[in-house]
């Protein structure tokens, strides 16, 4: 395999890793939004109860729920007052957007996989890459054995494990 082909495959690998990381982040954000949505259902049931409210990274303060009115960050540092149903609607919209992002990322992965397949086919056609054929894969891994042996034309093989006796040069005792 030549250097250009190696470089392409390294780039594909990096792209796949980045997309997988983004997919994980989207999935985590979706889970978090779902948990927030469930938590909103608990507010009316716990009015006048004490809770631990986050005031920073890993820092909480005891607080008392005195209202069902919420202050919601709607983006770009803009905060607005919302009811629980209005907030749940915003969360559902965000979950839907995350779902679309997830689909876009999966489509991007599929596109990269198609590019990899096309690159491999072109490289094989140009002689830069040799892929095992199905019969070679079966031969090299038949009956749970991995022989990794090559075949030389014109030599007869009596090995019962080999698929093609005319091409086998496996070194088995015959």
N, C-alpha and C. Protein backbone atom coordinates (compact mmCIF):
# COMPACT_ATOMS: atom_id res chain seq x y z
N UNK A 1 0.86 -1.17 0.00
CA UNK A 1 0.00 0.00 0.00
C UNK A 1 0.91 1.24 0.00
N UNK A 2 0.63 2.18 -0.87
CA UNK A 2 1.49 3.35 -0.98
C UNK A 2 1.17 4.39 0.10
N UNK A 3 2.04 5.38 0.20
CA UNK A 3 1.93 6.41 1.24
C UNK A 3 0.63 7.22 1.13
N UNK A 4 0.24 7.56 -0.10
CA UNK A 4 -0.97 8.35 -0.30
C UNK A 4 -2.19 7.59 0.22
N UNK A 5 -2.23 6.30 -0.03
CA UNK A 5 -3.34 5.48 0.43
C UNK A 5 -3.34 5.38 1.95
N UNK A 6 -2.17 5.20 2.53
CA UNK A 6 -2.05 5.18 4.00
C UNK A 6 -2.55 6.48 4.60
N UNK A 7 -2.17 7.59 3.99
CA UNK A 7 -2.59 8.91 4.48
C UNK A 7 -4.11 9.04 4.43
N UNK A 8 -4.70 8.61 3.32
CA UNK A 8 -6.16 8.69 3.19
C UNK A 8 -6.86 7.88 4.28
N UNK A 9 -6.36 6.67 4.52
CA UNK A 9 -7.00 5.82 5.52
C UNK A 9 -6.82 6.38 6.93
N UNK A 10 -5.69 7.02 7.20
CA UNK A 10 -5.50 7.67 8.51
C UNK A 10 -6.49 8.81 8.68
N UNK A 11 -6.71 9.58 7.62
CA UNK A 11 -7.68 10.68 7.67
C UNK A 11 -9.08 10.14 7.90
N UNK A 12 -9.44 9.09 7.18
CA UNK A 12 -10.76 8.46 7.39
C UNK A 12 -10.92 8.00 8.83
N UNK A 13 -9.86 7.38 9.35
CA UNK A 13 -9.92 6.88 10.73
C UNK A 13 -10.13 8.04 11.72
N UNK A 14 -9.42 9.14 11.52
CA UNK A 14 -9.58 10.31 12.39
C UNK A 14 -10.99 10.88 12.29
N UNK A 15 -11.52 10.96 11.07
CA UNK A 15 -12.87 11.48 10.89
C UNK A 15 -13.89 10.59 11.60
N UNK A 16 -13.73 9.30 11.48
CA UNK A 16 -14.65 8.36 12.13
C UNK A 16 -14.58 8.53 13.64
N UNK A 17 -13.38 8.66 14.18
CA UNK A 17 -13.23 8.84 15.63
C UNK A 17 -13.90 10.13 16.10
N UNK A 18 -13.71 11.21 15.35
CA UNK A 18 -14.33 12.49 15.72
C UNK A 18 -15.85 12.42 15.67
N UNK A 19 -16.37 11.79 14.65
CA UNK A 19 -17.83 11.67 14.53
C UNK A 19 -18.38 10.80 15.65
N UNK A 20 -17.67 9.73 15.99
CA UNK A 20 -18.12 8.87 17.09
C UNK A 20 -18.13 9.64 18.42
N UNK A 21 -17.13 10.49 18.63
CA UNK A 21 -17.10 11.32 19.84
C UNK A 21 -18.30 12.28 19.85
N UNK A 22 -18.58 12.88 18.70
CA UNK A 22 -19.73 13.78 18.60
C UNK A 22 -21.04 13.03 18.84
N UNK A 23 -21.13 11.82 18.31
CA UNK A 23 -22.33 11.01 18.53
C UNK A 23 -22.53 10.73 20.01
N UNK A 24 -21.44 10.41 20.70
CA UNK A 24 -21.53 10.16 22.14
C UNK A 24 -22.00 11.41 22.88
N UNK A 25 -21.47 12.56 22.50
CA UNK A 25 -21.87 13.81 23.15
C UNK A 25 -23.35 14.11 22.90
N UNK A 26 -23.82 13.88 21.69
CA UNK A 26 -25.23 14.10 21.36
C UNK A 26 -26.11 13.15 22.16
N UNK A 27 -25.70 11.89 22.23
CA UNK A 27 -26.48 10.91 22.98
C UNK A 27 -26.53 11.27 24.47
N UNK A 28 -25.40 11.74 25.02
CA UNK A 28 -25.37 12.14 26.43
C UNK A 28 -26.27 13.36 26.65
N UNK A 29 -26.21 14.32 25.74
CA UNK A 29 -27.06 15.51 25.87
C UNK A 29 -28.54 15.12 25.80
N UNK A 30 -28.87 14.16 24.95
CA UNK A 30 -30.25 13.70 24.84
C UNK A 30 -30.71 13.07 26.15
N UNK A 31 -29.84 12.24 26.74
CA UNK A 31 -30.17 11.63 28.03
C UNK A 31 -30.35 12.70 29.11
N UNK A 32 -29.44 13.67 29.13
CA UNK A 32 -29.52 14.75 30.12
C UNK A 32 -30.83 15.53 29.98
N UNK A 33 -31.19 15.85 28.74
CA UNK A 33 -32.43 16.60 28.52
C UNK A 33 -33.64 15.78 28.96
N UNK A 34 -33.60 14.49 28.71
CA UNK A 34 -34.69 13.62 29.16
C UNK A 34 -34.81 13.60 30.67
N UNK A 35 -33.68 13.58 31.37
CA UNK A 35 -33.69 13.61 32.83
C UNK A 35 -34.25 14.94 33.35
N UNK A 36 -33.86 16.03 32.71
CA UNK A 36 -34.38 17.34 33.11
C UNK A 36 -35.90 17.36 32.92
N UNK A 37 -36.35 16.83 31.80
CA UNK A 37 -37.78 16.79 31.51
C UNK A 37 -38.53 16.01 32.60
N UNK A 38 -37.98 14.88 33.02
CA UNK A 38 -38.60 14.10 34.10
C UNK A 38 -38.58 14.88 35.41
N UNK A 39 -37.47 15.57 35.67
CA UNK A 39 -37.35 16.35 36.90
C UNK A 39 -38.37 17.47 36.99
N UNK A 40 -38.72 18.03 35.85
CA UNK A 40 -39.72 19.10 35.84
C UNK A 40 -41.07 18.61 36.36
N UNK A 41 -41.37 17.34 36.11
CA UNK A 41 -42.64 16.77 36.59
C UNK A 41 -42.68 16.71 38.12
N UNK A 42 -41.53 16.71 38.75
CA UNK A 42 -41.46 16.59 40.21
C UNK A 42 -41.65 17.92 40.93
N UNK A 43 -41.45 19.02 40.25
CA UNK A 43 -41.53 20.34 40.90
C UNK A 43 -42.89 20.58 41.55
N UNK A 44 -44.01 20.41 40.84
CA UNK A 44 -45.31 20.67 41.49
C UNK A 44 -45.56 19.77 42.70
N UNK A 45 -45.04 18.55 42.65
CA UNK A 45 -45.24 17.60 43.75
C UNK A 45 -44.44 17.98 44.99
N UNK A 46 -43.38 18.76 44.80
CA UNK A 46 -42.47 19.07 45.90
C UNK A 46 -42.42 20.55 46.25
N UNK A 47 -43.48 21.26 45.97
CA UNK A 47 -43.52 22.69 46.31
C UNK A 47 -43.34 22.84 47.81
N UNK A 48 -42.58 23.84 48.20
CA UNK A 48 -42.22 24.12 49.59
C UNK A 48 -41.23 23.10 50.16
N UNK A 49 -40.65 22.25 49.31
CA UNK A 49 -39.63 21.30 49.77
C UNK A 49 -38.25 21.92 49.59
N UNK A 50 -37.29 21.43 50.39
CA UNK A 50 -35.91 21.86 50.23
C UNK A 50 -35.24 20.97 49.19
N UNK A 51 -34.42 21.62 48.37
CA UNK A 51 -33.64 20.90 47.36
C UNK A 51 -32.21 21.40 47.42
N UNK A 52 -31.31 20.70 46.74
CA UNK A 52 -29.96 21.19 46.53
C UNK A 52 -29.92 21.77 45.12
N UNK A 53 -29.67 23.06 45.04
CA UNK A 53 -29.63 23.74 43.74
C UNK A 53 -28.18 24.01 43.36
N UNK A 54 -27.80 23.65 42.15
CA UNK A 54 -26.41 23.89 41.73
C UNK A 54 -26.15 25.39 41.54
N UNK A 55 -25.00 25.84 42.05
CA UNK A 55 -24.62 27.24 41.84
C UNK A 55 -23.30 27.34 41.07
N UNK A 56 -22.75 26.22 40.73
CA UNK A 56 -21.50 26.16 39.98
C UNK A 56 -21.08 24.71 39.84
N UNK A 57 -19.97 24.51 39.23
CA UNK A 57 -19.48 23.16 38.98
C UNK A 57 -19.28 22.41 40.29
N UNK A 58 -20.18 21.47 40.54
CA UNK A 58 -20.07 20.63 41.73
C UNK A 58 -20.36 21.33 43.04
N UNK A 59 -20.92 22.53 43.00
CA UNK A 59 -21.23 23.28 44.22
C UNK A 59 -22.74 23.49 44.28
N UNK A 60 -23.33 23.13 45.44
CA UNK A 60 -24.78 23.21 45.61
C UNK A 60 -25.12 24.01 46.85
N UNK A 61 -26.32 24.57 46.86
CA UNK A 61 -26.83 25.31 48.00
C UNK A 61 -28.23 24.78 48.29
N UNK A 62 -28.58 24.72 49.58
CA UNK A 62 -29.94 24.33 49.92
C UNK A 62 -30.87 25.45 49.50
N UNK A 63 -31.98 25.07 48.88
CA UNK A 63 -32.97 26.05 48.41
C UNK A 63 -34.35 25.47 48.64
N UNK A 64 -35.33 26.34 48.62
CA UNK A 64 -36.70 25.92 48.82
C UNK A 64 -37.50 26.25 47.56
N UNK A 65 -38.28 25.29 47.08
CA UNK A 65 -39.12 25.53 45.91
C UNK A 65 -40.32 26.35 46.36
N UNK A 66 -40.39 27.58 45.88
CA UNK A 66 -41.50 28.46 46.27
C UNK A 66 -42.43 28.78 45.11
N UNK A 67 -42.02 28.39 43.90
CA UNK A 67 -42.82 28.73 42.72
C UNK A 67 -42.59 27.68 41.64
N UNK A 68 -43.54 27.58 40.74
CA UNK A 68 -43.37 26.70 39.58
C UNK A 68 -42.85 27.48 38.38
N UNK A 69 -42.59 28.76 38.57
CA UNK A 69 -42.04 29.59 37.50
C UNK A 69 -40.55 29.30 37.38
N UNK A 70 -40.10 29.08 36.16
CA UNK A 70 -38.71 28.74 35.91
C UNK A 70 -38.02 29.86 35.14
N UNK A 71 -36.72 30.00 35.35
CA UNK A 71 -35.91 30.92 34.57
C UNK A 71 -35.09 30.06 33.62
N UNK A 72 -35.28 30.27 32.32
CA UNK A 72 -34.70 29.38 31.31
C UNK A 72 -33.73 30.16 30.42
N UNK A 73 -32.54 29.58 30.22
CA UNK A 73 -31.56 30.14 29.29
C UNK A 73 -32.00 29.73 27.88
N UNK A 74 -32.40 30.71 27.08
CA UNK A 74 -32.87 30.41 25.73
C UNK A 74 -31.79 30.67 24.68
N UNK A 75 -30.57 30.87 25.13
CA UNK A 75 -29.45 31.03 24.22
C UNK A 75 -28.84 32.41 24.29
N UNK A 76 -27.55 32.45 24.01
CA UNK A 76 -26.79 33.69 23.97
C UNK A 76 -26.92 34.51 25.24
N UNK A 77 -27.02 33.81 26.37
CA UNK A 77 -27.10 34.49 27.66
C UNK A 77 -28.42 35.17 27.93
N UNK A 78 -29.44 34.84 27.19
CA UNK A 78 -30.77 35.41 27.39
C UNK A 78 -31.59 34.48 28.27
N UNK A 79 -32.08 35.01 29.38
CA UNK A 79 -32.89 34.23 30.32
C UNK A 79 -34.31 34.78 30.32
N UNK A 80 -35.28 33.87 30.28
CA UNK A 80 -36.69 34.28 30.29
C UNK A 80 -37.46 33.43 31.30
N UNK A 81 -38.55 33.97 31.79
CA UNK A 81 -39.43 33.25 32.72
C UNK A 81 -40.33 32.33 31.90
N UNK A 82 -40.44 31.09 32.34
CA UNK A 82 -41.28 30.10 31.64
C UNK A 82 -42.03 29.25 32.66
N UNK A 83 -43.17 28.76 32.23
CA UNK A 83 -43.90 27.79 33.06
C UNK A 83 -43.29 26.41 32.81
N UNK A 84 -43.70 25.45 33.63
CA UNK A 84 -43.20 24.09 33.44
C UNK A 84 -43.59 23.55 32.06
N UNK A 85 -44.86 23.66 31.64
CA UNK A 85 -45.21 23.16 30.30
C UNK A 85 -44.43 23.85 29.17
N UNK A 86 -44.21 25.17 29.30
CA UNK A 86 -43.44 25.88 28.28
C UNK A 86 -42.00 25.38 28.24
N UNK A 87 -41.45 25.12 29.41
CA UNK A 87 -40.07 24.63 29.50
C UNK A 87 -39.98 23.23 28.92
N UNK A 88 -40.96 22.39 29.23
CA UNK A 88 -40.97 21.03 28.69
C UNK A 88 -41.03 21.06 27.16
N UNK A 89 -41.78 22.01 26.62
CA UNK A 89 -41.88 22.16 25.17
C UNK A 89 -40.51 22.51 24.57
N UNK A 90 -39.80 23.42 25.23
CA UNK A 90 -38.45 23.80 24.77
C UNK A 90 -37.53 22.58 24.81
N UNK A 91 -37.61 21.81 25.88
CA UNK A 91 -36.76 20.63 26.02
C UNK A 91 -37.07 19.61 24.93
N UNK A 92 -38.34 19.40 24.65
CA UNK A 92 -38.73 18.46 23.60
C UNK A 92 -38.17 18.91 22.24
N UNK A 93 -38.24 20.21 21.97
CA UNK A 93 -37.67 20.75 20.73
C UNK A 93 -36.16 20.50 20.68
N UNK A 94 -35.48 20.68 21.81
CA UNK A 94 -34.04 20.45 21.85
C UNK A 94 -33.72 18.97 21.63
N UNK A 95 -34.51 18.09 22.22
CA UNK A 95 -34.31 16.65 22.03
C UNK A 95 -34.50 16.29 20.55
N UNK A 96 -35.50 16.90 19.91
CA UNK A 96 -35.73 16.65 18.48
C UNK A 96 -34.54 17.14 17.64
N UNK A 97 -34.00 18.31 17.99
CA UNK A 97 -32.82 18.83 17.27
C UNK A 97 -31.63 17.91 17.47
N UNK A 98 -31.47 17.40 18.69
CA UNK A 98 -30.38 16.46 18.96
C UNK A 98 -30.57 15.18 18.13
N UNK A 99 -31.80 14.75 17.98
CA UNK A 99 -32.09 13.57 17.15
C UNK A 99 -31.70 13.81 15.69
N UNK A 100 -31.98 15.02 15.19
CA UNK A 100 -31.59 15.35 13.82
C UNK A 100 -30.07 15.40 13.69
N UNK A 101 -29.41 15.95 14.71
CA UNK A 101 -27.95 15.98 14.69
C UNK A 101 -27.39 14.56 14.67
N UNK A 102 -27.98 13.68 15.46
CA UNK A 102 -27.54 12.29 15.51
C UNK A 102 -27.70 11.64 14.13
N UNK A 103 -28.83 11.87 13.47
CA UNK A 103 -29.04 11.33 12.13
C UNK A 103 -28.02 11.88 11.13
N UNK A 104 -27.74 13.19 11.22
CA UNK A 104 -26.75 13.80 10.34
C UNK A 104 -25.38 13.17 10.54
N UNK A 105 -25.01 12.94 11.80
CA UNK A 105 -23.71 12.33 12.10
C UNK A 105 -23.65 10.89 11.58
N UNK A 106 -24.74 10.16 11.73
CA UNK A 106 -24.78 8.78 11.20
C UNK A 106 -24.68 8.79 9.68
N UNK A 107 -25.34 9.75 9.03
CA UNK A 107 -25.24 9.87 7.57
C UNK A 107 -23.81 10.19 7.16
N UNK A 108 -23.15 11.04 7.93
CA UNK A 108 -21.75 11.38 7.65
C UNK A 108 -20.86 10.14 7.78
N UNK A 109 -21.11 9.32 8.80
CA UNK A 109 -20.37 8.07 8.95
C UNK A 109 -20.59 7.16 7.74
N UNK A 110 -21.82 7.05 7.30
CA UNK A 110 -22.14 6.22 6.14
C UNK A 110 -21.41 6.73 4.90
N UNK A 111 -21.37 8.05 4.74
CA UNK A 111 -20.69 8.65 3.60
C UNK A 111 -19.19 8.31 3.64
N UNK A 112 -18.59 8.40 4.81
CA UNK A 112 -17.17 8.06 4.95
C UNK A 112 -16.95 6.59 4.64
N UNK A 113 -17.83 5.72 5.12
CA UNK A 113 -17.70 4.29 4.83
C UNK A 113 -17.79 4.03 3.33
N UNK A 114 -18.66 4.75 2.64
CA UNK A 114 -18.75 4.61 1.18
C UNK A 114 -17.47 5.09 0.51
N UNK A 115 -16.90 6.19 1.01
CA UNK A 115 -15.65 6.70 0.45
C UNK A 115 -14.52 5.69 0.68
N UNK A 116 -14.50 5.07 1.86
CA UNK A 116 -13.47 4.06 2.15
C UNK A 116 -13.61 2.90 1.17
N UNK A 117 -14.83 2.43 0.97
CA UNK A 117 -15.07 1.32 0.05
C UNK A 117 -14.62 1.69 -1.36
N UNK A 118 -14.98 2.89 -1.80
CA UNK A 118 -14.60 3.34 -3.14
C UNK A 118 -13.07 3.46 -3.25
N UNK A 119 -12.42 4.01 -2.24
CA UNK A 119 -10.97 4.15 -2.26
C UNK A 119 -10.30 2.79 -2.31
N UNK A 120 -10.82 1.84 -1.55
CA UNK A 120 -10.24 0.49 -1.55
C UNK A 120 -10.43 -0.17 -2.92
N UNK A 121 -11.60 -0.01 -3.52
CA UNK A 121 -11.84 -0.61 -4.83
C UNK A 121 -10.93 0.00 -5.89
N UNK A 122 -10.75 1.32 -5.85
CA UNK A 122 -9.86 1.99 -6.80
C UNK A 122 -8.42 1.54 -6.59
N UNK A 123 -8.00 1.44 -5.34
CA UNK A 123 -6.63 1.02 -5.04
C UNK A 123 -6.40 -0.41 -5.49
N UNK A 124 -7.38 -1.26 -5.28
CA UNK A 124 -7.25 -2.65 -5.71
C UNK A 124 -7.19 -2.72 -7.24
N UNK A 125 -8.02 -1.93 -7.91
CA UNK A 125 -8.04 -1.89 -9.37
C UNK A 125 -6.70 -1.41 -9.92
N UNK A 126 -6.08 -0.45 -9.23
CA UNK A 126 -4.79 0.10 -9.66
C UNK A 126 -3.61 -0.73 -9.19
N UNK A 127 -3.88 -1.79 -8.44
CA UNK A 127 -2.80 -2.66 -7.97
C UNK A 127 -2.11 -2.15 -6.72
N UNK A 128 -2.66 -1.15 -6.06
CA UNK A 128 -2.05 -0.62 -4.84
C UNK A 128 -2.51 -1.34 -3.59
N UNK A 129 -3.51 -2.20 -3.73
CA UNK A 129 -4.07 -2.87 -2.57
C UNK A 129 -4.60 -4.22 -3.00
N UNK A 130 -4.18 -5.27 -2.29
CA UNK A 130 -4.71 -6.59 -2.57
C UNK A 130 -5.61 -6.99 -1.43
N UNK A 131 -6.87 -7.24 -1.76
CA UNK A 131 -7.84 -7.70 -0.77
C UNK A 131 -8.04 -9.19 -0.96
N UNK A 132 -8.18 -9.93 0.14
CA UNK A 132 -8.42 -11.37 -0.01
C UNK A 132 -9.80 -11.60 -0.63
N UNK A 133 -9.86 -12.59 -1.50
CA UNK A 133 -11.16 -12.96 -2.05
C UNK A 133 -11.86 -13.83 -1.04
N UNK A 134 -13.14 -14.08 -1.24
CA UNK A 134 -13.89 -14.92 -0.31
C UNK A 134 -13.28 -16.30 -0.19
N UNK A 135 -12.84 -16.88 -1.33
CA UNK A 135 -12.26 -18.22 -1.26
C UNK A 135 -10.94 -18.20 -0.49
N UNK A 136 -10.15 -17.13 -0.63
CA UNK A 136 -8.91 -17.02 0.13
C UNK A 136 -9.20 -16.86 1.62
N UNK A 137 -10.22 -16.05 1.96
CA UNK A 137 -10.58 -15.87 3.36
C UNK A 137 -11.03 -17.19 3.95
N UNK A 138 -11.87 -17.93 3.20
CA UNK A 138 -12.34 -19.22 3.69
C UNK A 138 -11.17 -20.17 3.84
N UNK A 139 -10.26 -20.15 2.86
CA UNK A 139 -9.12 -21.05 2.89
C UNK A 139 -8.21 -20.74 4.08
N UNK A 140 -7.97 -19.47 4.32
CA UNK A 140 -7.07 -19.08 5.40
C UNK A 140 -7.67 -19.26 6.77
N UNK A 141 -8.97 -19.41 6.87
CA UNK A 141 -9.58 -19.53 8.19
C UNK A 141 -10.56 -20.69 8.27
N UNK A 142 -10.44 -21.69 7.39
CA UNK A 142 -11.39 -22.79 7.41
C UNK A 142 -11.24 -23.64 8.66
N UNK A 143 -12.33 -24.19 9.09
CA UNK A 143 -12.42 -25.08 10.25
C UNK A 143 -11.74 -24.49 11.49
N UNK A 144 -11.80 -23.18 11.64
CA UNK A 144 -11.27 -22.55 12.84
C UNK A 144 -9.76 -22.39 12.85
N UNK A 145 -9.08 -22.83 11.79
CA UNK A 145 -7.62 -22.70 11.72
C UNK A 145 -7.27 -21.45 10.93
N UNK A 146 -6.20 -20.81 11.31
CA UNK A 146 -5.72 -19.67 10.55
C UNK A 146 -4.34 -20.04 10.05
N UNK A 147 -4.26 -20.48 8.80
CA UNK A 147 -3.01 -21.00 8.26
C UNK A 147 -2.11 -19.91 7.71
N UNK A 148 -2.67 -18.84 7.21
CA UNK A 148 -1.89 -17.75 6.61
C UNK A 148 -0.81 -18.27 5.67
N UNK A 149 -1.15 -19.17 4.80
CA UNK A 149 -0.17 -19.66 3.86
C UNK A 149 -0.50 -19.21 2.45
N UNK A 150 0.52 -19.15 1.63
CA UNK A 150 0.31 -18.68 0.27
C UNK A 150 0.23 -19.87 -0.67
N UNK A 151 -0.19 -19.58 -1.87
CA UNK A 151 -0.36 -20.63 -2.87
C UNK A 151 0.54 -20.31 -4.05
N UNK A 152 1.19 -21.33 -4.55
CA UNK A 152 1.99 -21.17 -5.75
C UNK A 152 1.35 -22.02 -6.84
N UNK A 153 1.17 -21.45 -8.00
CA UNK A 153 0.53 -22.17 -9.10
C UNK A 153 1.40 -23.34 -9.53
N UNK A 154 0.73 -24.40 -9.94
CA UNK A 154 1.45 -25.53 -10.50
C UNK A 154 1.84 -26.58 -9.48
N UNK A 155 1.68 -26.37 -8.21
CA UNK A 155 2.05 -27.36 -7.20
C UNK A 155 0.79 -28.04 -6.71
N UNK A 156 0.83 -29.34 -6.68
CA UNK A 156 -0.30 -30.12 -6.19
C UNK A 156 -0.19 -30.28 -4.69
N UNK A 157 -1.34 -30.22 -4.01
CA UNK A 157 -1.37 -30.39 -2.57
C UNK A 157 -2.34 -31.50 -2.22
N UNK A 158 -1.96 -32.31 -1.28
CA UNK A 158 -2.83 -33.39 -0.84
C UNK A 158 -3.46 -33.05 0.50
N UNK A 159 -3.28 -31.84 0.95
CA UNK A 159 -3.83 -31.38 2.23
C UNK A 159 -5.35 -31.37 2.15
N UNK A 160 -6.00 -32.05 3.04
CA UNK A 160 -7.46 -32.11 3.02
C UNK A 160 -8.09 -30.82 3.54
N UNK A 161 -7.29 -29.98 4.17
CA UNK A 161 -7.83 -28.72 4.69
C UNK A 161 -7.84 -27.63 3.63
N UNK A 162 -7.07 -27.80 2.56
CA UNK A 162 -6.98 -26.77 1.53
C UNK A 162 -8.17 -26.85 0.59
N UNK A 163 -8.62 -25.70 0.15
CA UNK A 163 -9.78 -25.61 -0.73
C UNK A 163 -9.38 -25.92 -2.17
N UNK A 164 -8.25 -25.43 -2.60
CA UNK A 164 -7.83 -25.57 -3.99
C UNK A 164 -6.47 -26.25 -4.02
N UNK A 165 -6.45 -27.55 -4.31
CA UNK A 165 -5.21 -28.32 -4.29
C UNK A 165 -4.21 -27.83 -5.33
N UNK A 166 -4.70 -27.31 -6.47
CA UNK A 166 -3.79 -26.87 -7.53
C UNK A 166 -2.99 -25.64 -7.14
N UNK A 167 -3.47 -24.87 -6.19
CA UNK A 167 -2.80 -23.62 -5.83
C UNK A 167 -2.16 -23.66 -4.45
N UNK A 168 -2.23 -24.78 -3.76
CA UNK A 168 -1.77 -24.83 -2.38
C UNK A 168 -0.28 -25.10 -2.28
N UNK A 169 0.37 -24.37 -1.44
CA UNK A 169 1.78 -24.57 -1.11
C UNK A 169 1.90 -24.31 0.38
N UNK A 170 1.09 -25.01 1.17
CA UNK A 170 0.91 -24.65 2.56
C UNK A 170 1.96 -25.22 3.50
N UNK A 171 2.68 -26.21 3.08
CA UNK A 171 3.70 -26.75 3.97
C UNK A 171 3.19 -27.81 4.92
N UNK A 172 1.94 -28.20 4.78
CA UNK A 172 1.43 -29.29 5.62
C UNK A 172 2.13 -30.58 5.25
N UNK A 173 2.23 -31.48 6.20
CA UNK A 173 2.76 -32.80 5.87
C UNK A 173 1.70 -33.56 5.10
N UNK A 174 2.10 -34.14 4.00
CA UNK A 174 1.13 -34.83 3.14
C UNK A 174 1.39 -36.31 3.11
